[in-house]
C-alpha atoms as a PDB file:
ATOM      1  CA  MET A   1       0.089   0.037   0.082  1.00  0.00           C
ATOM      2  CA  GLY A   2       2.587   2.841  -1.243  1.00  0.00           C
ATOM      3  CA  ASP A   3      -0.410   4.941  -2.362  1.00  0.00           C
ATOM      4  CA  PHE A   4      -1.104   7.966  -0.829  1.00  0.00           C
ATOM      5  CA  ASN A   5      -4.856   8.157  -1.352  1.00  0.00           C
ATOM      6  CA  LYS A   6      -5.289   4.658  -0.138  1.00  0.00           C
ATOM      7  CA  HIS A   7      -3.743   5.596   2.998  1.00  0.00           C
ATOM      8  CA  LEU A   8      -5.645   8.586   3.097  1.00  0.00           C
ATOM      9  CA  LYS A   9      -8.732   6.926   2.600  1.00  0.00           C
ATOM     10  CA  LEU A  10      -8.051   4.333   5.364  1.00  0.00           C
ATOM     11  CA  ALA A  11      -7.209   7.311   7.809  1.00  0.00           C
ATOM     12  CA  LYS A  12     -10.720   8.837   7.164  1.00  0.00           C
ATOM     13  CA  GLU A  13     -12.320   5.573   7.584  1.00  0.00           C
ATOM     14  CA  LYS A  14     -10.657   4.795  10.639  1.00  0.00           C
ATOM     15  CA  LEU A  15     -11.424   8.229  11.892  1.00  0.00           C
ATOM     16  CA  LYS A  16     -15.060   7.639  11.350  1.00  0.00           C
ATOM     17  CA  ALA A  17     -14.893   4.630  13.283  1.00  0.00           C
ATOM     18  CA  THR A  18     -12.908   6.334  16.193  1.00  0.00           C
ATOM     19  CA  LEU A  19     -15.843   9.050  16.351  1.00  0.00           C
ATOM     20  CA  THR A  20     -18.370   6.526  16.669  1.00  0.00           C
ATOM     21  CA  ALA A  21     -16.431   4.292  19.435  1.00  0.00           C
ATOM     22  CA  TYR A  22     -16.097   7.633  21.254  1.00  0.00           C
ATOM     23  CA  GLN A  23     -19.751   8.550  21.030  1.00  0.00           C
ATOM     24  CA  ASN A  24     -20.419   4.877  22.216  1.00  0.00           C
ATOM     25  CA  LYS A  25     -17.967   5.644  25.285  1.00  0.00           C
ATOM     26  CA  GLN A  26     -15.864   2.440  23.802  1.00  0.00           C
ATOM     27  CA  THR A  27     -12.899   4.313  25.326  1.00  0.00           C
ATOM     28  CA  THR A  28     -10.420   1.606  24.724  1.00  0.00           C
ATOM     29  CA  VAL A  29     -11.447   1.116  21.074  1.00  0.00           C
ATOM     30  CA  VAL A  30     -11.026   4.899  20.684  1.00  0.00           C
ATOM     31  CA  GLY A  31      -7.417   4.703  21.882  1.00  0.00           C
ATOM     32  CA  ASP A  32      -6.726   1.552  19.326  1.00  0.00           C
ATOM     33  CA  LEU A  33      -8.537   3.509  16.393  1.00  0.00           C
ATOM     34  CA  GLY A  34      -6.878   6.762  17.349  1.00  0.00           C
ATOM     35  CA  ILE A  35      -3.127   5.600  17.083  1.00  0.00           C
ATOM     36  CA  LYS A  36      -4.068   3.523  13.748  1.00  0.00           C
ATOM     37  CA  VAL A  37      -5.437   6.859  12.120  1.00  0.00           C
ATOM     38  CA  VAL A  38      -2.143   8.761  12.781  1.00  0.00           C
ATOM     39  CA  GLU A  39      -0.086   5.626  11.616  1.00  0.00           C
ATOM     40  CA  GLN A  40      -2.152   5.883   8.480  1.00  0.00           C
ATOM     41  CA  LEU A  41      -1.514   9.506   8.159  1.00  0.00           C
ATOM     42  CA  VAL A  42       2.252   8.924   8.521  1.00  0.00           C
ATOM     43  CA  GLU A  43       2.017   6.186   5.931  1.00  0.00           C
ATOM     44  CA  ALA A  44       0.314   8.624   3.391  1.00  0.00           C
ATOM     45  CA  ASP A  45       3.125  11.209   3.890  1.00  0.00           C
ATOM     46  CA  ALA A  46       5.570   8.261   3.171  1.00  0.00           C
ATOM     47  CA  ALA A  47       4.016   7.546  -0.008  1.00  0.00           C
ATOM     48  CA  GLU A  48       3.747  10.857  -1.237  1.00  0.00           C
ATOM     49  CA  HIS A  49       7.785  10.894  -1.170  1.00  0.00           C
ATOM     50  CA  GLU A  50       7.811   7.390  -2.717  1.00  0.00           C
ATOM     51  CA  GLU A  51       8.560   5.486   0.760  1.00  0.00           C
ATOM     52  CA  HIS A  52       6.798   2.262   2.173  1.00  0.00           C
ATOM     53  CA  PHE A  53       7.359   1.019   5.606  1.00  0.00           C
ATOM     54  CA  GLY A  54       5.028  -1.493   7.591  1.00  0.00           C
ATOM     55  CA  ASP A  55       6.743  -1.775  10.952  1.00  0.00           C
ATOM     56  CA  HIS A  56       6.270   0.425  14.205  1.00  0.00           C
ATOM     57  CA  LYS A  57      10.213   1.310  14.312  1.00  0.00           C
ATOM     58  CA  SER A  58      10.352   2.459  10.653  1.00  0.00           C
ATOM     59  CA  ARG A  59       7.460   4.561  10.849  1.00  0.00           C
ATOM     60  CA  HIS A  60       8.959   6.409  13.865  1.00  0.00           C
ATOM     61  CA  GLU A  61      12.229   6.945  12.084  1.00  0.00           C
ATOM     62  CA  TYR A  62      10.291   8.490   9.120  1.00  0.00           C
ATOM     63  CA  SER A  63       8.318  10.686  11.581  1.00  0.00           C
ATOM     64  CA  ASN A  64      11.390  11.599  13.475  1.00  0.00           C
ATOM     65  CA  ARG A  65      12.911  12.758  10.176  1.00  0.00           C
ATOM     66  CA  ASN A  66      10.200  14.663   8.890  1.00  0.00           C
ATOM     67  CA  PHE A  67       7.874  16.041  11.307  1.00  0.00           C
ATOM     68  CA  PRO A  68       8.533  18.529  14.006  1.00  0.00           C
ATOM     69  CA  SER A  69      10.051  17.418  17.609  1.00  0.00           C
ATOM     70  CA  GLU A  70       6.299  18.045  19.025  1.00  0.00           C
ATOM     71  CA  VAL A  71       4.674  15.500  16.762  1.00  0.00           C
ATOM     72  CA  ASN A  72       7.225  13.259  17.565  1.00  0.00           C
ATOM     73  CA  LYS A  73       7.128  13.552  21.179  1.00  0.00           C
ATOM     74  CA  ALA A  74       3.270  12.631  21.280  1.00  0.00           C
ATOM     75  CA  MET A  75       4.121   9.909  19.008  1.00  0.00           C
ATOM     76  CA  ARG A  76       6.313   8.485  21.025  1.00  0.00           C
ATOM     77  CA  LYS A  77       3.311   8.640  24.529  1.00  0.00           C
ATOM     78  CA  VAL A  78       1.524   6.271  22.284  1.00  0.00           C
END
């Protein structure tokens, strides 16, 4: 899935499910899906730069190279 639009579509789908879970007070589901939304957005950005990765470590390394330190600090918390 090295395709920007595909990752963006997945992020939107997961965000919609996250909002539904939040409305249903499913807090652990909200946390799990929230992380997945962020992962898909990072993957979408990577796809724009012809990069692809599937593991957690590679995603963080990419984020550290390409996003502001505040974003990476927040990502390390999740």
